Amino acid sequence: MRWGLIGASDMARTHMVPAIRATGGEIAWVMSRDPARGRAFADEHGIPVSRTDPHLALRERPVDAVYVSSLNDLHHDHTIAALDAGAHVMCEKPLSTDLASAVRMERAARASGRVLATNHHLRGAGSHQRMGELIQDGRIGRVQSMRVFQAIQLPPHRQGWRVHDRATGGVIADILVHAADIVRFHLNEDPAEVVALSAPPTLGGGVDDNVVSAWSMPSGAQVMVHVSFTHPFAGNGIEVHGTEGSIVGAGTMTSRAGGEVLLRTAEGIRTVPFSHHSLHQRVLTMFAEATEGRGQPAATGVDGAKAVAVAQAVAQAAATGMRTAVDYGGV
């Protein structure tokens, strides 16, 4: 597969470029609005062409697929441009900054006949795939509740727009969308209503950086979520509690393979083995297969839009203090 990169991002640098090449892909060009940044990225990774205009790059060097990791508020325009050029798209999360834009992206992909995937990479983790199998096999009975926590200390070099730009940043857009997607993945249902509290921002940008929320599910299960940029020692994980047992995934809410999965039942506690393959390689393999008509991406455009819908509802609930229904915009 021949790829173009829209965005010379840290995620592209640390994860996606190695994963594209590990799965046999070729990178034809990189686009960045900053010419110096784009050229430096191209030189660092041996990419032959750097451009500042995505339309020019797509016209000059047609590609099979585009990975979009530009700023969140540019995802919509860059994805539409790639789809219009006939390319399949893997778009970084969040799919967009608002549900209406995300819905337009998904509908444009359907109209074009191209695959639109959202890079909710946790779906590709061996830990979550194994946890999903345990839930589906009924090993813990009926799910009653879940707890998801992804509370980190955001390092200074990654703060920037994440804590200063209300249009693109904040912990809800950056992290909570992952929780929204993995909850949907494990429970196979969409959150119905949410309540939320946002602590006063402490990183100096005025954007939400520490949020707790609770979600109700159509099945009656309750979900508790804590996401933060300000917790240096909290760690991350997910717990799924059912009528016949519990699953604990410690250290599994990250972009790298690892962590530990425990199954607790009346028989005791046991460690569950799982594959430690690359999350990103697995997601890209599923994406490539989908472009060939074999299966679906790990997370589709619909999945990405629904994660945005949950995040939007949590942001509204935190701002108003009101219980808020999740509006999925018809997707």
C-alpha atoms as a PDB file:
ATOM      1  CA  MET A   1       0.000   0.000   0.000  1.00  0.00           C
ATOM      2  CA  ARG A   2       1.287   3.431  -0.987  1.00  0.00           C
ATOM      3  CA  TRP A   3       0.710   6.044   1.733  1.00  0.00           C
ATOM      4  CA  GLY A   4       0.669   9.804   2.138  1.00  0.00           C
ATOM      5  CA  LEU A   5       0.933  11.460   5.547  1.00  0.00           C
ATOM      6  CA  ILE A   6      -1.067  14.589   6.299  1.00  0.00           C
ATOM      7  CA  GLY A   7       0.534  15.878   9.481  1.00  0.00           C
ATOM      8  CA  ALA A   8       4.128  15.534  10.663  1.00  0.00           C
ATOM      9  CA  SER A   9       2.932  14.548  14.121  1.00  0.00           C
ATOM     10  CA  ASP A  10       4.506  12.851  17.102  1.00  0.00           C
ATOM     11  CA  MET A  11       2.092   9.938  16.680  1.00  0.00           C
ATOM     12  CA  ALA A  12       3.208   9.539  13.071  1.00  0.00           C
ATOM     13  CA  ARG A  13       6.849   9.664  14.128  1.00  0.00           C
ATOM     14  CA  THR A  14       6.732   7.272  17.079  1.00  0.00           C
ATOM     15  CA  HIS A  15       4.111   4.762  15.969  1.00  0.00           C
ATOM     16  CA  MET A  16       2.590   5.022  12.520  1.00  0.00           C
ATOM     17  CA  VAL A  17       5.630   5.387  10.256  1.00  0.00           C
ATOM     18  CA  PRO A  18       7.275   2.269  11.771  1.00  0.00           C
ATOM     19  CA  ALA A  19       3.951   0.386  11.641  1.00  0.00           C
ATOM     20  CA  ILE A  20       3.258   1.330   8.006  1.00  0.00           C
ATOM     21  CA  ARG A  21       6.671   0.045   6.978  1.00  0.00           C
ATOM     22  CA  ALA A  22       6.438  -3.054   9.161  1.00  0.00           C
ATOM     23  CA  THR A  23       3.217  -4.002   7.348  1.00  0.00           C
ATOM     24  CA  GLY A  24       4.811  -3.552   3.919  1.00  0.00           C
ATOM     25  CA  GLY A  25       3.638  -0.034   3.165  1.00  0.00           C
ATOM     26  CA  GLU A  26       5.536   2.641   1.256  1.00  0.00           C
ATOM     27  CA  ILE A  27       5.351   6.314   2.266  1.00  0.00           C
ATOM     28  CA  ALA A  28       5.307   8.582  -0.786  1.00  0.00           C
ATOM     29  CA  TRP A  29       5.068  11.981   0.888  1.00  0.00           C
ATOM     30  CA  VAL A  30       4.415  13.939   4.046  1.00  0.00           C
ATOM     31  CA  MET A  31       2.447  17.165   4.285  1.00  0.00           C
ATOM     32  CA  SER A  32       2.935  19.811   6.988  1.00  0.00           C
ATOM     33  CA  ARG A  33       1.810  23.429   6.988  1.00  0.00           C
ATOM     34  CA  ASP A  34       5.242  24.272   8.433  1.00  0.00           C
ATOM     35  CA  PRO A  35       7.753  23.719   5.591  1.00  0.00           C
ATOM     36  CA  ALA A  36      10.738  23.365   7.923  1.00  0.00           C
ATOM     37  CA  ARG A  37       8.943  20.837  10.110  1.00  0.00           C
ATOM     38  CA  GLY A  38       7.782  18.862   7.085  1.00  0.00           C
ATOM     39  CA  ARG A  39      11.233  18.787   5.503  1.00  0.00           C
ATOM     40  CA  ALA A  40      12.889  17.743   8.776  1.00  0.00           C
ATOM     41  CA  PHE A  41      10.297  14.958   9.219  1.00  0.00           C
ATOM     42  CA  ALA A  42      10.849  13.746   5.650  1.00  0.00           C
ATOM     43  CA  ASP A  43      14.625  13.721   6.094  1.00  0.00           C
ATOM     44  CA  GLU A  44      14.366  11.913   9.440  1.00  0.00           C
ATOM     45  CA  HIS A  45      12.251   9.124   7.980  1.00  0.00           C
ATOM     46  CA  GLY A  46      13.598   8.884   4.451  1.00  0.00           C
ATOM     47  CA  ILE A  47      10.399  10.166   2.836  1.00  0.00           C
ATOM     48  CA  PRO A  48      11.115  11.524  -0.656  1.00  0.00           C
ATOM     49  CA  VAL A  49       8.658  14.424  -0.804  1.00  0.00           C
ATOM     50  CA  SER A  50       7.469  17.099   1.633  1.00  0.00           C
ATOM     51  CA  ARG A  51       4.627  19.475   0.815  1.00  0.00           C
ATOM     52  CA  THR A  52       2.689  22.223   2.609  1.00  0.00           C
ATOM     53  CA  ASP A  53      -0.512  21.827   0.577  1.00  0.00           C
ATOM     54  CA  PRO A  54      -2.424  18.526   0.872  1.00  0.00           C
ATOM     55  CA  HIS A  55      -4.263  19.094  -2.416  1.00  0.00           C
ATOM     56  CA  LEU A  56      -0.946  19.535  -4.251  1.00  0.00           C
ATOM     57  CA  ALA A  57       0.525  16.417  -2.654  1.00  0.00           C
ATOM     58  CA  LEU A  58      -2.543  14.339  -3.503  1.00  0.00           C
ATOM     59  CA  ARG A  59      -2.571  15.617  -7.091  1.00  0.00           C
ATOM     60  CA  GLU A  60       1.162  15.250  -7.733  1.00  0.00           C
ATOM     61  CA  ARG A  61       1.606  11.834  -6.169  1.00  0.00           C
ATOM     62  CA  PRO A  62      -1.623   9.820  -5.929  1.00  0.00           C
ATOM     63  CA  VAL A  63      -1.626   7.284  -3.105  1.00  0.00           C
ATOM     64  CA  ASP A  64      -3.738   4.339  -2.001  1.00  0.00           C
ATOM     65  CA  ALA A  65      -4.229   5.617   1.533  1.00  0.00           C
ATOM     66  CA  VAL A  66      -3.669   8.686   3.679  1.00  0.00           C
ATOM     67  CA  TYR A  67      -2.946   8.841   7.388  1.00  0.00           C
ATOM     68  CA  VAL A  68      -4.373  12.104   8.773  1.00  0.00           C
ATOM     69  CA  SER A  69      -2.771  13.314  12.006  1.00  0.00           C
ATOM     70  CA  SER A  70      -2.990  17.076  11.571  1.00  0.00           C
ATOM     71  CA  LEU A  71      -4.513  19.244  14.317  1.00  0.00           C
ATOM     72  CA  ASN A  72      -7.936  18.000  15.372  1.00  0.00           C
ATOM     73  CA  ASP A  73      -9.832  20.899  13.826  1.00  0.00           C
ATOM     74  CA  LEU A  74      -8.256  20.113  10.433  1.00  0.00           C
ATOM     75  CA  HIS A  75      -9.204  16.413  10.370  1.00  0.00           C
ATOM     76  CA  HIS A  76     -12.472  17.100   8.567  1.00  0.00           C
ATOM     77  CA  ASP A  77     -11.038  19.123   5.674  1.00  0.00           C
ATOM     78  CA  HIS A  78      -7.983  16.909   5.243  1.00  0.00           C
ATOM     79  CA  THR A  79     -10.026  13.703   5.282  1.00  0.00           C
ATOM     80  CA  ILE A  80     -12.504  15.062   2.731  1.00  0.00           C
ATOM     81  CA  ALA A  81      -9.604  16.127   0.490  1.00  0.00           C
ATOM     82  CA  ALA A  82      -8.085  12.642   0.632  1.00  0.00           C
ATOM     83  CA  LEU A  83     -11.423  10.937  -0.039  1.00  0.00           C
ATOM     84  CA  ASP A  84     -12.080  13.290  -2.981  1.00  0.00           C
ATOM     85  CA  ALA A  85      -8.687  12.292  -4.387  1.00  0.00           C
ATOM     86  CA  GLY A  86      -9.709   8.625  -4.280  1.00  0.00           C
ATOM     87  CA  ALA A  87      -7.654   7.572  -1.264  1.00  0.00           C
ATOM     88  CA  HIS A  88      -8.701   5.459   1.694  1.00  0.00           C
ATOM     89  CA  VAL A  89      -8.217   7.267   5.021  1.00  0.00           C
ATOM     90  CA  MET A  90      -6.933   6.330   8.449  1.00  0.00           C
ATOM     91  CA  CYS A  91      -7.731   9.380  10.585  1.00  0.00           C
ATOM     92  CA  GLU A  92      -6.246   9.978  13.995  1.00  0.00           C
ATOM     93  CA  LYS A  93      -8.645  10.327  16.916  1.00  0.00           C
ATOM     94  CA  PRO A  94     -10.735  12.273  17.636  1.00  0.00           C
ATOM     95  CA  LEU A  95     -12.281  11.886  14.208  1.00  0.00           C
ATOM     96  CA  SER A  96     -13.260  15.553  14.408  1.00  0.00           C
ATOM     97  CA  THR A  97     -13.836  18.317  16.939  1.00  0.00           C
ATOM     98  CA  ASP A  98     -17.633  18.122  16.652  1.00  0.00           C
ATOM     99  CA  LEU A  99     -20.196  15.497  15.790  1.00  0.00           C
ATOM    100  CA  ALA A 100     -21.610  17.261  12.729  1.00  0.00           C
ATOM    101  CA  SER A 101     -18.191  17.294  11.048  1.00  0.00           C
ATOM    102  CA  ALA A 102     -17.572  13.660  11.980  1.00  0.00           C
ATOM    103  CA  VAL A 103     -20.921  12.644  10.461  1.00  0.00           C
ATOM    104  CA  ARG A 104     -20.069  14.500   7.233  1.00  0.00           C
ATOM    105  CA  MET A 105     -16.745  12.631   7.060  1.00  0.00           C
ATOM    106  CA  GLU A 106     -18.424   9.258   7.489  1.00  0.00           C
ATOM    107  CA  ARG A 107     -21.063  10.041   4.864  1.00  0.00           C
ATOM    108  CA  ALA A 108     -18.432  11.309   2.425  1.00  0.00           C
ATOM    109  CA  ALA A 109     -16.523   8.034   2.805  1.00  0.00           C
ATOM    110  CA  ARG A 110     -19.660   6.012   2.087  1.00  0.00           C
ATOM    111  CA  ALA A 111     -20.433   8.129  -0.969  1.00  0.00           C
ATOM    112  CA  SER A 112     -16.884   7.740  -2.288  1.00  0.00           C
ATOM    113  CA  GLY A 113     -16.753   3.987  -1.779  1.00  0.00           C
ATOM    114  CA  ARG A 114     -13.521   4.393   0.169  1.00  0.00           C
ATOM    115  CA  VAL A 115     -12.681   3.094   3.636  1.00  0.00           C
ATOM    116  CA  LEU A 116     -12.593   5.579   6.505  1.00  0.00           C
ATOM    117  CA  ALA A 117     -11.039   4.276   9.713  1.00  0.00           C
ATOM    118  CA  THR A 118     -10.421   6.005  13.031  1.00  0.00           C
ATOM    119  CA  ASN A 119      -7.151   5.282  14.808  1.00  0.00           C
ATOM    120  CA  HIS A 120      -8.641   4.013  18.061  1.00  0.00           C
ATOM    121  CA  HIS A 121      -5.617   1.773  18.420  1.00  0.00           C
ATOM    122  CA  LEU A 122      -6.669   0.153  21.717  1.00  0.00           C
ATOM    123  CA  ARG A 123      -8.939  -2.140  19.697  1.00  0.00           C
ATOM    124  CA  GLY A 124      -5.796  -3.643  18.190  1.00  0.00           C
ATOM    125  CA  ALA A 125      -4.253  -4.567  21.554  1.00  0.00           C
ATOM    126  CA  GLY A 126      -3.930  -8.228  22.444  1.00  0.00           C
ATOM    127  CA  SER A 127      -5.037  -7.372  25.978  1.00  0.00           C
ATOM    128  CA  HIS A 128      -8.342  -5.827  24.882  1.00  0.00           C
ATOM    129  CA  GLN A 129      -8.987  -8.482  22.272  1.00  0.00           C
ATOM    130  CA  ARG A 130      -8.576 -11.163  24.947  1.00  0.00           C
ATOM    131  CA  MET A 131     -10.743  -9.246  27.417  1.00  0.00           C
ATOM    132  CA  GLY A 132     -13.418  -8.915  24.749  1.00  0.00           C
ATOM    133  CA  GLU A 133     -13.371 -12.668  24.178  1.00  0.00           C
ATOM    134  CA  LEU A 134     -13.821 -13.332  27.903  1.00  0.00           C
ATOM    135  CA  ILE A 135     -16.809 -10.980  28.062  1.00  0.00           C
ATOM    136  CA  GLN A 136     -18.419 -12.412  24.923  1.00  0.00           C
ATOM    137  CA  ASP A 137     -17.869 -15.984  26.176  1.00  0.00           C
ATOM    138  CA  GLY A 138     -19.818 -15.156  29.330  1.00  0.00           C
ATOM    139  CA  ARG A 139     -16.905 -15.769  31.679  1.00  0.00           C
ATOM    140  CA  ILE A 140     -18.032 -12.966  34.012  1.00  0.00           C
ATOM    141  CA  GLY A 141     -21.766 -13.292  33.467  1.00  0.00           C
ATOM    142  CA  ARG A 142     -23.861 -10.205  32.856  1.00  0.00           C
ATOM    143  CA  VAL A 143     -21.791  -7.017  32.943  1.00  0.00           C
ATOM    144  CA  GLN A 144     -22.937  -4.707  35.756  1.00  0.00           C
ATOM    145  CA  SER A 145     -20.292  -1.990  35.696  1.00  0.00           C
ATOM    146  CA  MET A 146     -17.018  -0.806  34.213  1.00  0.00           C
ATOM    147  CA  ARG A 147     -14.295   1.496  35.450  1.00  0.00           C
ATOM    148  CA  VAL A 148     -11.859   3.120  33.040  1.00  0.00           C
ATOM    149  CA  PHE A 149      -8.994   5.271  34.245  1.00  0.00           C
ATOM    150  CA  GLN A 150      -6.400   6.946  32.074  1.00  0.00           C
ATOM    151  CA  ALA A 151      -4.858   9.591  34.302  1.00  0.00           C
ATOM    152  CA  ILE A 152      -1.352  10.729  33.358  1.00  0.00           C
ATOM    153  CA  GLN A 153       1.018  13.627  33.880  1.00  0.00           C
ATOM    154  CA  LEU A 154       1.232  15.274  30.466  1.00  0.00           C
ATOM    155  CA  PRO A 155       4.908  16.159  29.883  1.00  0.00           C
ATOM    156  CA  PRO A 156       5.699  19.780  28.992  1.00  0.00           C
ATOM    157  CA  HIS A 157       6.793  18.961  25.427  1.00  0.00           C
ATOM    158  CA  ARG A 158       3.345  17.464  24.700  1.00  0.00           C
ATOM    159  CA  GLN A 159       1.256  20.210  26.277  1.00  0.00           C
ATOM    160  CA  GLY A 160       1.098  23.035  23.716  1.00  0.00           C
ATOM    161  CA  TRP A 161      -2.279  22.975  21.954  1.00  0.00           C
ATOM    162  CA  ARG A 162      -3.532  20.171  24.228  1.00  0.00           C
ATOM    163  CA  VAL A 163      -3.847  22.591  27.148  1.00  0.00           C
ATOM    164  CA  HIS A 164      -4.006  25.987  25.405  1.00  0.00           C
ATOM    165  CA  ASP A 165      -6.361  25.531  22.445  1.00  0.00           C
ATOM    166  CA  ARG A 166     -10.043  25.178  23.292  1.00  0.00           C
ATOM    167  CA  ALA A 167     -10.896  24.314  19.681  1.00  0.00           C
ATOM    168  CA  THR A 168      -8.592  21.271  19.498  1.00  0.00           C
ATOM    169  CA  GLY A 169      -7.286  20.402  22.949  1.00  0.00           C
ATOM    170  CA  GLY A 170      -8.388  19.280  26.380  1.00  0.00           C
ATOM    171  CA  VAL A 171      -8.368  15.908  28.078  1.00  0.00           C
ATOM    172  CA  ILE A 172     -11.865  15.038  26.837  1.00  0.00           C
ATOM    173  CA  ALA A 173     -10.902  15.322  23.167  1.00  0.00           C
ATOM    174  CA  ASP A 174      -7.469  13.783  23.677  1.00  0.00           C
ATOM    175  CA  ILE A 175      -8.124  10.872  26.047  1.00  0.00           C
ATOM    176  CA  LEU A 176     -11.805  10.412  26.858  1.00  0.00           C
ATOM    177  CA  VAL A 177     -12.569   9.499  23.230  1.00  0.00           C
ATOM    178  CA  HIS A 178     -10.399   6.383  23.748  1.00  0.00           C
ATOM    179  CA  ALA A 179     -12.472   5.426  26.789  1.00  0.00           C
ATOM    180  CA  ALA A 180     -15.677   5.991  24.822  1.00  0.00           C
ATOM    181  CA  ASP A 181     -14.497   3.722  22.049  1.00  0.00           C
ATOM    182  CA  ILE A 182     -13.159   0.900  24.219  1.00  0.00           C
ATOM    183  CA  VAL A 183     -16.344   0.847  26.323  1.00  0.00           C
ATOM    184  CA  ARG A 184     -18.398   0.493  23.132  1.00  0.00           C
ATOM    185  CA  PHE A 185     -15.983  -2.184  21.906  1.00  0.00           C
ATOM    186  CA  HIS A 186     -16.310  -4.293  25.055  1.00  0.00           C
ATOM    187  CA  LEU A 187     -20.023  -3.843  25.735  1.00  0.00           C
ATOM    188  CA  ASN A 188     -21.237  -3.670  22.129  1.00  0.00           C
ATOM    189  CA  GLU A 189     -23.658  -0.863  22.976  1.00  0.00           C
ATOM    190  CA  ASP A 190     -23.675   2.917  23.014  1.00  0.00           C
ATOM    191  CA  PRO A 191     -23.681   5.070  26.168  1.00  0.00           C
ATOM    192  CA  ALA A 192     -27.120   6.609  26.641  1.00  0.00           C
ATOM    193  CA  GLU A 193     -26.677   9.368  29.251  1.00  0.00           C
ATOM    194  CA  VAL A 194     -23.724  10.921  31.067  1.00  0.00           C
ATOM    195  CA  VAL A 195     -22.959  13.098  34.076  1.00  0.00           C
ATOM    196  CA  ALA A 196     -19.571  14.748  34.584  1.00  0.00           C
ATOM    197  CA  LEU A 197     -17.409  17.006  36.729  1.00  0.00           C
ATOM    198  CA  SER A 198     -14.373  18.933  35.511  1.00  0.00           C
ATOM    199  CA  ALA A 199     -11.786  20.120  38.037  1.00  0.00           C
ATOM    200  CA  PRO A 200     -10.381  23.656  37.683  1.00  0.00           C
ATOM    201  CA  PRO A 201      -7.546  23.538  35.105  1.00  0.00           C
ATOM    202  CA  THR A 202      -4.057  23.523  36.646  1.00  0.00           C
ATOM    203  CA  LEU A 203      -1.733  23.377  33.625  1.00  0.00           C
ATOM    204  CA  GLY A 204      -2.118  27.048  32.788  1.00  0.00           C
ATOM    205  CA  GLY A 205      -4.042  26.834  29.541  1.00  0.00           C
ATOM    206  CA  GLY A 206      -7.598  27.126  30.797  1.00  0.00           C
ATOM    207  CA  VAL A 207      -8.652  23.929  29.009  1.00  0.00           C
ATOM    208  CA  ASP A 208     -10.109  20.926  30.869  1.00  0.00           C
ATOM    209  CA  ASP A 209      -7.297  18.708  32.150  1.00  0.00           C
ATOM    210  CA  ASN A 210      -8.975  16.527  34.826  1.00  0.00           C
ATOM    211  CA  VAL A 211     -12.490  15.122  34.319  1.00  0.00           C
ATOM    212  CA  VAL A 212     -14.553  12.394  35.980  1.00  0.00           C
ATOM    213  CA  SER A 213     -17.776  11.107  34.482  1.00  0.00           C
ATOM    214  CA  ALA A 214     -20.378   8.361  34.816  1.00  0.00           C
ATOM    215  CA  TRP A 215     -22.317   6.879  31.936  1.00  0.00           C
ATOM    216  CA  SER A 216     -25.503   4.828  31.796  1.00  0.00           C
ATOM    217  CA  MET A 217     -25.749   2.046  29.211  1.00  0.00           C
ATOM    218  CA  PRO A 218     -28.951   0.703  27.597  1.00  0.00           C
ATOM    219  CA  SER A 219     -28.315  -2.706  29.224  1.00  0.00           C
ATOM    220  CA  GLY A 220     -28.313  -1.118  32.679  1.00  0.00           C
ATOM    221  CA  ALA A 221     -24.537  -1.329  33.107  1.00  0.00           C
ATOM    222  CA  GLN A 222     -22.857   1.688  34.700  1.00  0.00           C
ATOM    223  CA  VAL A 223     -19.526   3.094  33.513  1.00  0.00           C
ATOM    224  CA  MET A 224     -17.149   5.285  35.535  1.00  0.00           C
ATOM    225  CA  VAL A 225     -14.371   7.149  33.719  1.00  0.00           C
ATOM    226  CA  HIS A 226     -11.473   9.280  34.966  1.00  0.00           C
ATOM    227  CA  VAL A 227      -9.209  11.021  32.479  1.00  0.00           C
ATOM    228  CA  SER A 228      -6.520  13.510  33.421  1.00  0.00           C
ATOM    229  CA  PHE A 229      -3.346  15.304  32.335  1.00  0.00           C
ATOM    230  CA  THR A 230      -2.345  16.069  35.937  1.00  0.00           C
ATOM    231  CA  HIS A 231      -1.828  12.727  37.732  1.00  0.00           C
ATOM    232  CA  PRO A 232       1.803  11.528  37.712  1.00  0.00           C
ATOM    233  CA  PHE A 233       1.280   8.256  39.598  1.00  0.00           C
ATOM    234  CA  ALA A 234      -2.317   7.166  38.927  1.00  0.00           C
ATOM    235  CA  GLY A 235      -1.539   4.712  36.132  1.00  0.00           C
ATOM    236  CA  ASN A 236      -4.156   3.424  33.745  1.00  0.00           C
ATOM    237  CA  GLY A 237      -6.455   0.478  33.352  1.00  0.00           C
ATOM    238  CA  ILE A 238      -9.920  -0.909  32.882  1.00  0.00           C
ATOM    239  CA  GLU A 239     -12.141  -3.064  35.081  1.00  0.00           C
ATOM    240  CA  VAL A 240     -15.215  -4.973  33.947  1.00  0.00           C
ATOM    241  CA  HIS A 241     -17.415  -6.347  36.713  1.00  0.00           C
ATOM    242  CA  GLY A 242     -20.100  -8.946  36.062  1.00  0.00           C
ATOM    243  CA  THR A 243     -22.473 -11.174  37.996  1.00  0.00           C
ATOM    244  CA  GLU A 244     -20.074 -14.132  37.791  1.00  0.00           C
ATOM    245  CA  GLY A 245     -16.672 -12.463  37.901  1.00  0.00           C
ATOM    246  CA  SER A 246     -14.468  -9.503  37.098  1.00  0.00           C
ATOM    247  CA  ILE A 247     -11.782  -8.730  34.541  1.00  0.00           C
ATOM    248  CA  VAL A 248      -9.008  -6.303  35.446  1.00  0.00           C
ATOM    249  CA  GLY A 249      -6.747  -4.911  32.740  1.00  0.00           C
ATOM    250  CA  ALA A 250      -3.910  -3.074  34.500  1.00  0.00           C
ATOM    251  CA  GLY A 251      -1.699  -0.856  32.342  1.00  0.00           C
ATOM    252  CA  THR A 252      -3.685  -1.677  29.216  1.00  0.00           C
ATOM    253  CA  MET A 253      -4.929   1.802  28.246  1.00  0.00           C
ATOM    254  CA  THR A 254      -1.756   2.828  26.395  1.00  0.00           C
ATOM    255  CA  SER A 255      -0.442   2.947  22.833  1.00  0.00           C
ATOM    256  CA  ARG A 256       2.096   0.201  23.511  1.00  0.00           C
ATOM    257  CA  ALA A 257       1.534  -3.513  24.017  1.00  0.00           C
ATOM    258  CA  GLY A 258       1.758  -4.719  27.591  1.00  0.00           C
ATOM    259  CA  GLY A 259       0.032  -4.595  30.930  1.00  0.00           C
ATOM    260  CA  GLU A 260      -1.648  -7.445  32.745  1.00  0.00           C
ATOM    261  CA  VAL A 261      -5.097  -9.042  32.517  1.00  0.00           C
ATOM    262  CA  LEU A 262      -6.590 -10.775  35.564  1.00  0.00           C
ATOM    263  CA  LEU A 263      -9.766 -12.859  35.741  1.00  0.00           C
ATOM    264  CA  ARG A 264     -11.452 -13.015  39.154  1.00  0.00           C
ATOM    265  CA  THR A 265     -14.210 -15.588  39.725  1.00  0.00           C
ATOM    266  CA  ALA A 266     -15.429 -17.872  42.509  1.00  0.00           C
ATOM    267  CA  GLU A 267     -12.581 -20.198  41.516  1.00  0.00           C
ATOM    268  CA  GLY A 268      -9.997 -17.557  42.421  1.00  0.00           C
ATOM    269  CA  ILE A 269      -7.759 -15.117  40.571  1.00  0.00           C
ATOM    270  CA  ARG A 270      -5.745 -16.078  37.531  1.00  0.00           C
ATOM    271  CA  THR A 271      -3.547 -14.233  35.070  1.00  0.00           C
ATOM    272  CA  VAL A 272      -4.853 -14.358  31.514  1.00  0.00           C
ATOM    273  CA  PRO A 273      -2.218 -14.643  28.752  1.00  0.00           C
ATOM    274  CA  PHE A 274      -2.561 -12.526  25.627  1.00  0.00           C
ATOM    275  CA  SER A 275      -0.567 -11.583  22.539  1.00  0.00           C
ATOM    276  CA  HIS A 276       1.882  -8.681  22.883  1.00  0.00           C
ATOM    277  CA  HIS A 277       1.827  -7.716  19.196  1.00  0.00           C
ATOM    278  CA  SER A 278       2.024  -4.083  18.040  1.00  0.00           C
ATOM    279  CA  LEU A 279      -1.339  -2.359  18.382  1.00  0.00           C
ATOM    280  CA  HIS A 280      -0.649  -0.140  15.396  1.00  0.00           C
ATOM    281  CA  GLN A 281       0.477  -2.932  13.117  1.00  0.00           C
ATOM    282  CA  ARG A 282      -2.674  -4.888  13.921  1.00  0.00           C
ATOM    283  CA  VAL A 283      -4.877  -1.859  13.215  1.00  0.00           C
ATOM    284  CA  LEU A 284      -3.090  -1.166   9.920  1.00  0.00           C
ATOM    285  CA  THR A 285      -3.354  -4.804   8.854  1.00  0.00           C
ATOM    286  CA  MET A 286      -7.116  -4.747   9.449  1.00  0.00           C
ATOM    287  CA  PHE A 287      -7.344  -1.435   7.583  1.00  0.00           C
ATOM    288  CA  ALA A 288      -5.470  -2.826   4.559  1.00  0.00           C
ATOM    289  CA  GLU A 289      -7.702  -5.908   4.511  1.00  0.00           C
ATOM    290  CA  ALA A 290     -10.794  -3.682   4.625  1.00  0.00           C
ATOM    291  CA  THR A 291      -9.586  -1.713   1.582  1.00  0.00           C
ATOM    292  CA  GLU A 292      -9.436  -5.056  -0.245  1.00  0.00           C
ATOM    293  CA  GLY A 293     -13.013  -5.904   0.744  1.00  0.00           C
ATOM    294  CA  ARG A 294     -12.067  -8.285   3.545  1.00  0.00           C
ATOM    295  CA  GLY A 295     -13.712  -7.305   6.807  1.00  0.00           C
ATOM    296  CA  GLN A 296     -13.847  -3.957   8.575  1.00  0.00           C
ATOM    297  CA  PRO A 297     -11.216  -1.656  10.068  1.00  0.00           C
ATOM    298  CA  ALA A 298     -10.663  -2.072  13.800  1.00  0.00           C
ATOM    299  CA  ALA A 299     -12.566   1.197  14.308  1.00  0.00           C
ATOM    300  CA  THR A 300     -14.694   2.571  11.481  1.00  0.00           C
ATOM    301  CA  GLY A 301     -15.763   6.122  10.738  1.00  0.00           C
ATOM    302  CA  VAL A 302     -19.014   5.365  12.555  1.00  0.00           C
ATOM    303  CA  ASP A 303     -17.031   4.259  15.611  1.00  0.00           C
ATOM    304  CA  GLY A 304     -15.015   7.470  15.467  1.00  0.00           C
ATOM    305  CA  ALA A 305     -18.145   9.606  15.166  1.00  0.00           C
ATOM    306  CA  LYS A 306     -19.811   7.856  18.103  1.00  0.00           C
ATOM    307  CA  ALA A 307     -16.741   8.433  20.290  1.00  0.00           C
ATOM    308  CA  VAL A 308     -16.958  12.138  19.400  1.00  0.00           C
ATOM    309  CA  ALA A 309     -20.652  12.101  20.336  1.00  0.00           C
ATOM    310  CA  VAL A 310     -19.881  10.679  23.792  1.00  0.00           C
ATOM    311  CA  ALA A 311     -17.063  13.194  24.313  1.00  0.00           C
ATOM    312  CA  GLN A 312     -19.343  16.044  23.267  1.00  0.00           C
ATOM    313  CA  ALA A 313     -21.989  14.911  25.765  1.00  0.00           C
ATOM    314  CA  VAL A 314     -19.425  14.636  28.582  1.00  0.00           C
ATOM    315  CA  ALA A 315     -18.130  18.135  27.810  1.00  0.00           C
ATOM    316  CA  GLN A 316     -21.685  19.496  27.909  1.00  0.00           C
ATOM    317  CA  ALA A 317     -22.484  17.671  31.151  1.00  0.00           C
ATOM    318  CA  ALA A 318     -19.305  19.002  32.785  1.00  0.00           C
ATOM    319  CA  ALA A 319     -20.086  22.550  31.664  1.00  0.00           C
ATOM    320  CA  THR A 320     -23.745  22.541  32.741  1.00  0.00           C
ATOM    321  CA  GLY A 321     -23.769  20.154  35.684  1.00  0.00           C
ATOM    322  CA  MET A 322     -26.760  18.446  34.046  1.00  0.00           C
ATOM    323  CA  ARG A 323     -27.406  14.810  33.176  1.00  0.00           C
ATOM    324  CA  THR A 324     -26.980  14.768  29.401  1.00  0.00           C
ATOM    325  CA  ALA A 325     -28.317  12.395  26.756  1.00  0.00           C
ATOM    326  CA  VAL A 326     -25.809  11.366  24.087  1.00  0.00           C
ATOM    327  CA  ASP A 327     -26.880  12.527  20.633  1.00  0.00           C
ATOM    328  CA  TYR A 328     -25.319  10.346  17.912  1.00  0.00           C
ATOM    329  CA  GLY A 329     -26.406  12.517  15.012  1.00  0.00           C
ATOM    330  CA  GLY A 330     -28.013   9.718  13.086  1.00  0.00           C
ATOM    331  CA  VAL A 331     -24.913   7.500  12.700  1.00  0.00           C
END
